[in-house]
Amino acid sequence: MKLIQLDIVGLSNSQIQSGAFALILGEVGGKRRLPIVIGNFEAKAIAIALDNEYKSQRPITHDLFKSLATGFKINVQKVIISSINSGGIFSSIIYCVNENGKEIELDSRTSDAVAIAIRFNAPMFTYDAIINEAGITLEKDVIHTVNNQDDPNNFLELSEKELERKLNEAVINEDYELASLIRDEINRRS
């Protein structure tokens, strides 16, 4: 089965389920998006990993996992969102390798797999069949020119805090294309 690489393009309050969040994963180089409903704690774990400036006083579970894995010379190679059940619940597999080259596959909730992938800077994937079944495709072509002085979305003049604010606004407005461009600019500066 064909694998599709994904990036995080948004994290916002769920419009469907009260008290939940929508994690939006986007096809790298494509227009398909995979929305995944996750809980408050899971969203916080992902948001903490995405925010390079925030440091928790004590390690949260995903940070502890990374410390333990690193201590035992285990590296996360990739995460694959491997299935979706009839209730719309996703499952994932975390692919690890130890210092001797032994491969380990860990069954995981998708929200945990994403939080861990971020911490290890590991790529995330899903199968083409899953994104076709549960994903959405952006219909309109949205083109933003980042370096154009006349463009109101000129990111080069904005501070990182302003970029973060614009990123949050884009996610709230469900403008995932703009959000991904802002995210790319934030990552470029890191």
C-alpha atoms as a PDB file:
ATOM      1  CA  MET A   1       0.000   0.000   0.000  1.00  0.00           C
ATOM      2  CA  LYS A   2       1.170   3.498  -0.849  1.00  0.00           C
ATOM      3  CA  LEU A   3       2.354   5.677   2.061  1.00  0.00           C
ATOM      4  CA  ILE A   4       1.534   9.394   2.181  1.00  0.00           C
ATOM      5  CA  GLN A   5       3.766  11.661   4.285  1.00  0.00           C
ATOM      6  CA  LEU A   6       1.947  14.056   6.601  1.00  0.00           C
ATOM      7  CA  ASP A   7       2.733  17.291   8.435  1.00  0.00           C
ATOM      8  CA  ILE A   8       0.791  19.054  11.144  1.00  0.00           C
ATOM      9  CA  VAL A   9      -1.095  21.982   9.631  1.00  0.00           C
ATOM     10  CA  GLY A  10      -3.429  22.805  12.494  1.00  0.00           C
ATOM     11  CA  LEU A  11      -4.619  22.168  16.010  1.00  0.00           C
ATOM     12  CA  SER A  12      -7.859  23.839  17.079  1.00  0.00           C
ATOM     13  CA  ASN A  13     -11.043  23.395  19.048  1.00  0.00           C
ATOM     14  CA  SER A  14     -13.228  20.750  17.464  1.00  0.00           C
ATOM     15  CA  GLN A  15     -16.307  22.061  15.686  1.00  0.00           C
ATOM     16  CA  ILE A  16     -17.867  18.608  15.962  1.00  0.00           C
ATOM     17  CA  GLN A  17     -17.267  17.511  19.564  1.00  0.00           C
ATOM     18  CA  SER A  18     -17.441  19.819  22.576  1.00  0.00           C
ATOM     19  CA  GLY A  19     -14.303  19.808  24.736  1.00  0.00           C
ATOM     20  CA  ALA A  20     -12.256  18.082  22.051  1.00  0.00           C
ATOM     21  CA  PHE A  21      -9.682  19.338  19.591  1.00  0.00           C
ATOM     22  CA  ALA A  22      -9.108  18.793  15.892  1.00  0.00           C
ATOM     23  CA  LEU A  23      -5.610  17.812  14.867  1.00  0.00           C
ATOM     24  CA  ILE A  24      -5.260  18.526  11.149  1.00  0.00           C
ATOM     25  CA  LEU A  25      -2.563  16.614   9.306  1.00  0.00           C
ATOM     26  CA  GLY A  26      -1.784  17.626   5.752  1.00  0.00           C
ATOM     27  CA  GLU A  27      -0.407  15.623   2.860  1.00  0.00           C
ATOM     28  CA  VAL A  28       3.119  16.832   2.125  1.00  0.00           C
ATOM     29  CA  GLY A  29       3.032  18.446  -1.303  1.00  0.00           C
ATOM     30  CA  GLY A  30      -0.686  17.829  -1.705  1.00  0.00           C
ATOM     31  CA  LYS A  31      -4.139  19.200  -0.945  1.00  0.00           C
ATOM     32  CA  ARG A  32      -5.525  16.397   1.207  1.00  0.00           C
ATOM     33  CA  ARG A  33      -6.055  16.907   4.926  1.00  0.00           C
ATOM     34  CA  LEU A  34      -6.679  14.306   7.608  1.00  0.00           C
ATOM     35  CA  PRO A  35      -8.678  15.709  10.554  1.00  0.00           C
ATOM     36  CA  ILE A  36      -8.384  13.690  13.768  1.00  0.00           C
ATOM     37  CA  VAL A  37     -10.455  14.441  16.869  1.00  0.00           C
ATOM     38  CA  ILE A  38      -8.344  14.241  20.034  1.00  0.00           C
ATOM     39  CA  GLY A  39      -8.830  15.055  23.698  1.00  0.00           C
ATOM     40  CA  ASN A  40      -7.694  18.092  25.658  1.00  0.00           C
ATOM     41  CA  PHE A  41      -4.690  16.404  27.302  1.00  0.00           C
ATOM     42  CA  GLU A  42      -3.543  14.918  24.005  1.00  0.00           C
ATOM     43  CA  ALA A  43      -3.830  18.318  22.303  1.00  0.00           C
ATOM     44  CA  LYS A  44      -1.798  19.880  25.100  1.00  0.00           C
ATOM     45  CA  ALA A  45       0.955  17.250  24.712  1.00  0.00           C
ATOM     46  CA  ILE A  46       1.175  18.012  20.988  1.00  0.00           C
ATOM     47  CA  ALA A  47       1.062  21.787  21.507  1.00  0.00           C
ATOM     48  CA  ILE A  48       3.861  21.591  24.096  1.00  0.00           C
ATOM     49  CA  ALA A  49       6.026  19.635  21.656  1.00  0.00           C
ATOM     50  CA  LEU A  50       5.367  22.162  18.889  1.00  0.00           C
ATOM     51  CA  ASP A  51       6.215  25.135  21.126  1.00  0.00           C
ATOM     52  CA  ASN A  52      10.011  25.136  21.354  1.00  0.00           C
ATOM     53  CA  GLU A  53       9.966  27.924  23.953  1.00  0.00           C
ATOM     54  CA  TYR A  54       7.684  26.224  26.526  1.00  0.00           C
ATOM     55  CA  LYS A  55       9.370  24.024  29.102  1.00  0.00           C
ATOM     56  CA  SER A  56       7.320  22.079  31.620  1.00  0.00           C
ATOM     57  CA  GLN A  57       8.552  22.070  35.221  1.00  0.00           C
ATOM     58  CA  ARG A  58       8.326  18.284  35.231  1.00  0.00           C
ATOM     59  CA  PRO A  59       8.476  15.985  32.206  1.00  0.00           C
ATOM     60  CA  ILE A  60       5.129  14.911  30.813  1.00  0.00           C
ATOM     61  CA  THR A  61       4.648  11.305  29.696  1.00  0.00           C
ATOM     62  CA  HIS A  62       5.849  11.843  26.113  1.00  0.00           C
ATOM     63  CA  ASP A  63       8.992  13.630  27.318  1.00  0.00           C
ATOM     64  CA  LEU A  64       9.599  10.777  29.750  1.00  0.00           C
ATOM     65  CA  PHE A  65       9.198   8.306  26.863  1.00  0.00           C
ATOM     66  CA  LYS A  66      11.807  10.215  24.868  1.00  0.00           C
ATOM     67  CA  SER A  67      14.248  10.303  27.789  1.00  0.00           C
ATOM     68  CA  LEU A  68      13.807   6.583  28.406  1.00  0.00           C
ATOM     69  CA  ALA A  69      14.180   5.688  24.725  1.00  0.00           C
ATOM     70  CA  THR A  70      17.219   7.930  24.312  1.00  0.00           C
ATOM     71  CA  GLY A  71      18.783   6.480  27.472  1.00  0.00           C
ATOM     72  CA  PHE A  72      18.446   2.977  26.056  1.00  0.00           C
ATOM     73  CA  LYS A  73      19.603   4.128  22.602  1.00  0.00           C
ATOM     74  CA  ILE A  74      16.251   3.603  20.932  1.00  0.00           C
ATOM     75  CA  ASN A  75      15.290   5.998  18.161  1.00  0.00           C
ATOM     76  CA  VAL A  76      11.866   6.583  16.655  1.00  0.00           C
ATOM     77  CA  GLN A  77      12.224   6.179  12.886  1.00  0.00           C
ATOM     78  CA  LYS A  78       8.667   6.984  11.777  1.00  0.00           C
ATOM     79  CA  VAL A  79       5.011   6.888  12.713  1.00  0.00           C
ATOM     80  CA  ILE A  80       2.325   5.390  10.496  1.00  0.00           C
ATOM     81  CA  ILE A  81      -1.373   6.015  11.015  1.00  0.00           C
ATOM     82  CA  SER A  82      -2.227   2.438  10.153  1.00  0.00           C
ATOM     83  CA  SER A  83      -5.994   2.046  10.442  1.00  0.00           C
ATOM     84  CA  ILE A  84      -9.348   3.626  11.153  1.00  0.00           C
ATOM     85  CA  ASN A  85     -12.254   1.679  12.595  1.00  0.00           C
ATOM     86  CA  SER A  86     -15.952   2.037  11.815  1.00  0.00           C
ATOM     87  CA  GLY A  87     -16.317   4.524  14.693  1.00  0.00           C
ATOM     88  CA  GLY A  88     -13.716   6.855  13.181  1.00  0.00           C
ATOM     89  CA  ILE A  89     -10.982   5.983  15.703  1.00  0.00           C
ATOM     90  CA  PHE A  90      -7.473   5.961  14.250  1.00  0.00           C
ATOM     91  CA  SER A  91      -4.671   3.614  15.304  1.00  0.00           C
ATOM     92  CA  SER A  92      -0.976   4.096  14.705  1.00  0.00           C
ATOM     93  CA  ILE A  93       2.291   2.237  14.836  1.00  0.00           C
ATOM     94  CA  ILE A  94       5.505   3.790  16.123  1.00  0.00           C
ATOM     95  CA  TYR A  95       8.535   2.300  14.377  1.00  0.00           C
ATOM     96  CA  CYS A  96      11.692   2.268  16.500  1.00  0.00           C
ATOM     97  CA  VAL A  97      15.204   0.904  16.123  1.00  0.00           C
ATOM     98  CA  ASN A  98      17.789   0.283  18.841  1.00  0.00           C
ATOM     99  CA  GLU A  99      21.566   0.692  18.669  1.00  0.00           C
ATOM    100  CA  ASN A 100      21.958  -2.903  17.437  1.00  0.00           C
ATOM    101  CA  GLY A 101      19.581  -2.298  14.541  1.00  0.00           C
ATOM    102  CA  LYS A 102      16.735  -4.297  16.059  1.00  0.00           C
ATOM    103  CA  GLU A 103      13.414  -2.893  14.866  1.00  0.00           C
ATOM    104  CA  ILE A 104      10.524  -2.506  17.289  1.00  0.00           C
ATOM    105  CA  GLU A 105       6.902  -1.730  16.405  1.00  0.00           C
ATOM    106  CA  LEU A 106       4.691  -0.165  19.071  1.00  0.00           C
ATOM    107  CA  ASP A 107       0.902  -0.047  18.770  1.00  0.00           C
ATOM    108  CA  SER A 108      -0.270   3.430  19.763  1.00  0.00           C
ATOM    109  CA  ARG A 109      -3.106   5.878  19.920  1.00  0.00           C
ATOM    110  CA  THR A 110      -2.596   8.326  17.076  1.00  0.00           C
ATOM    111  CA  SER A 111      -2.441  11.364  19.357  1.00  0.00           C
ATOM    112  CA  ASP A 112       0.392   9.747  21.358  1.00  0.00           C
ATOM    113  CA  ALA A 113       2.192   8.682  18.187  1.00  0.00           C
ATOM    114  CA  VAL A 114       2.062  12.252  16.838  1.00  0.00           C
ATOM    115  CA  ALA A 115       3.282  13.721  20.155  1.00  0.00           C
ATOM    116  CA  ILE A 116       6.203  11.281  20.148  1.00  0.00           C
ATOM    117  CA  ALA A 117       7.015  11.808  16.456  1.00  0.00           C
ATOM    118  CA  ILE A 118       7.330  15.551  17.065  1.00  0.00           C
ATOM    119  CA  ARG A 119       9.726  14.994  19.959  1.00  0.00           C
ATOM    120  CA  PHE A 120      11.933  12.702  17.860  1.00  0.00           C
ATOM    121  CA  ASN A 121      11.568  14.782  14.699  1.00  0.00           C
ATOM    122  CA  ALA A 122      10.338  11.605  13.023  1.00  0.00           C
ATOM    123  CA  PRO A 123       8.263  11.647   9.829  1.00  0.00           C
ATOM    124  CA  MET A 124       4.571  10.766   9.967  1.00  0.00           C
ATOM    125  CA  PHE A 125       2.706   8.784   7.313  1.00  0.00           C
ATOM    126  CA  THR A 126      -0.626   7.201   6.548  1.00  0.00           C
ATOM    127  CA  TYR A 127      -1.824   4.931   3.808  1.00  0.00           C
ATOM    128  CA  ASP A 128      -3.427   6.363   0.699  1.00  0.00           C
ATOM    129  CA  ALA A 129      -6.579   4.323   1.421  1.00  0.00           C
ATOM    130  CA  ILE A 130      -6.965   5.912   4.878  1.00  0.00           C
ATOM    131  CA  ILE A 131      -6.592   9.495   3.675  1.00  0.00           C
ATOM    132  CA  ASN A 132      -9.007   8.716   0.837  1.00  0.00           C
ATOM    133  CA  GLU A 133     -11.556   7.339   3.319  1.00  0.00           C
ATOM    134  CA  ALA A 134     -11.256   9.816   6.176  1.00  0.00           C
ATOM    135  CA  GLY A 135      -9.534  12.845   4.647  1.00  0.00           C
ATOM    136  CA  ILE A 136     -10.772  15.984   2.982  1.00  0.00           C
ATOM    137  CA  THR A 137      -9.419  17.638  -0.147  1.00  0.00           C
ATOM    138  CA  LEU A 138      -9.078  21.393  -0.411  1.00  0.00           C
ATOM    139  CA  GLU A 139     -11.000  22.450  -3.495  1.00  0.00           C
ATOM    140  CA  LYS A 140      -9.609  25.911  -4.120  1.00  0.00           C
ATOM    141  CA  ASP A 141      -6.037  26.744  -4.978  1.00  0.00           C
ATOM    142  CA  VAL A 142      -4.690  29.166  -2.426  1.00  0.00           C
ATOM    143  CA  ILE A 143      -1.421  30.793  -3.364  1.00  0.00           C
ATOM    144  CA  HIS A 144       0.363  33.121  -0.974  1.00  0.00           C
ATOM    145  CA  THR A 145       3.564  34.806  -2.032  1.00  0.00           C
ATOM    146  CA  VAL A 146       5.662  35.062   1.074  1.00  0.00           C
ATOM    147  CA  ASN A 147       8.256  37.526  -0.202  1.00  0.00           C
ATOM    148  CA  ASN A 148       5.983  39.985  -2.029  1.00  0.00           C
ATOM    149  CA  GLN A 149       5.985  43.426  -0.334  1.00  0.00           C
ATOM    150  CA  ASP A 150       2.375  44.064  -1.445  1.00  0.00           C
ATOM    151  CA  ASP A 151       1.169  40.843   0.192  1.00  0.00           C
ATOM    152  CA  PRO A 152      -0.651  41.502   3.500  1.00  0.00           C
ATOM    153  CA  ASN A 153       0.671  38.120   4.669  1.00  0.00           C
ATOM    154  CA  ASN A 154       4.310  39.163   4.306  1.00  0.00           C
ATOM    155  CA  PHE A 155       5.851  36.973   7.006  1.00  0.00           C
ATOM    156  CA  LEU A 156       9.385  38.323   6.787  1.00  0.00           C
ATOM    157  CA  GLU A 157       8.489  41.473   8.721  1.00  0.00           C
ATOM    158  CA  LEU A 158       6.711  39.619  11.537  1.00  0.00           C
ATOM    159  CA  SER A 159       8.232  38.516  14.835  1.00  0.00           C
ATOM    160  CA  GLU A 160       7.937  34.900  15.941  1.00  0.00           C
ATOM    161  CA  LYS A 161       5.208  35.864  18.437  1.00  0.00           C
ATOM    162  CA  GLU A 162       3.265  37.618  15.659  1.00  0.00           C
ATOM    163  CA  LEU A 163       3.686  34.556  13.464  1.00  0.00           C
ATOM    164  CA  GLU A 164       2.332  32.355  16.259  1.00  0.00           C
ATOM    165  CA  ARG A 165      -0.678  34.667  16.597  1.00  0.00           C
ATOM    166  CA  LYS A 166      -1.297  34.577  12.832  1.00  0.00           C
ATOM    167  CA  LEU A 167      -0.927  30.797  12.868  1.00  0.00           C
ATOM    168  CA  ASN A 168      -3.592  30.494  15.581  1.00  0.00           C
ATOM    169  CA  GLU A 169      -5.901  32.822  13.638  1.00  0.00           C
ATOM    170  CA  ALA A 170      -5.443  30.832  10.438  1.00  0.00           C
ATOM    171  CA  VAL A 171      -6.274  27.579  12.232  1.00  0.00           C
ATOM    172  CA  ILE A 172      -9.347  29.091  13.895  1.00  0.00           C
ATOM    173  CA  ASN A 173     -10.476  30.349  10.474  1.00  0.00           C
ATOM    174  CA  GLU A 174      -9.720  26.892   9.030  1.00  0.00           C
ATOM    175  CA  ASP A 175      -7.343  28.412   6.482  1.00  0.00           C
ATOM    176  CA  TYR A 176      -4.980  25.439   6.572  1.00  0.00           C
ATOM    177  CA  GLU A 177      -3.017  26.513   3.524  1.00  0.00           C
ATOM    178  CA  LEU A 178      -2.101  29.817   5.162  1.00  0.00           C
ATOM    179  CA  ALA A 179      -1.445  27.998   8.442  1.00  0.00           C
ATOM    180  CA  SER A 180       0.975  25.630   6.736  1.00  0.00           C
ATOM    181  CA  LEU A 181       2.845  28.566   5.124  1.00  0.00           C
ATOM    182  CA  ILE A 182       3.148  30.301   8.500  1.00  0.00           C
ATOM    183  CA  ARG A 183       4.264  27.048  10.127  1.00  0.00           C
ATOM    184  CA  ASP A 184       6.913  26.641   7.415  1.00  0.00           C
ATOM    185  CA  GLU A 185       8.197  30.165   8.085  1.00  0.00           C
ATOM    186  CA  ILE A 186       8.357  29.461  11.837  1.00  0.00           C
ATOM    187  CA  ASN A 187      10.250  26.226  11.160  1.00  0.00           C
ATOM    188  CA  ARG A 188      12.594  27.989   8.730  1.00  0.00           C
ATOM    189  CA  ARG A 189      13.555  30.429  11.479  1.00  0.00           C
ATOM    190  CA  SER A 190      14.185  27.673  14.038  1.00  0.00           C
END
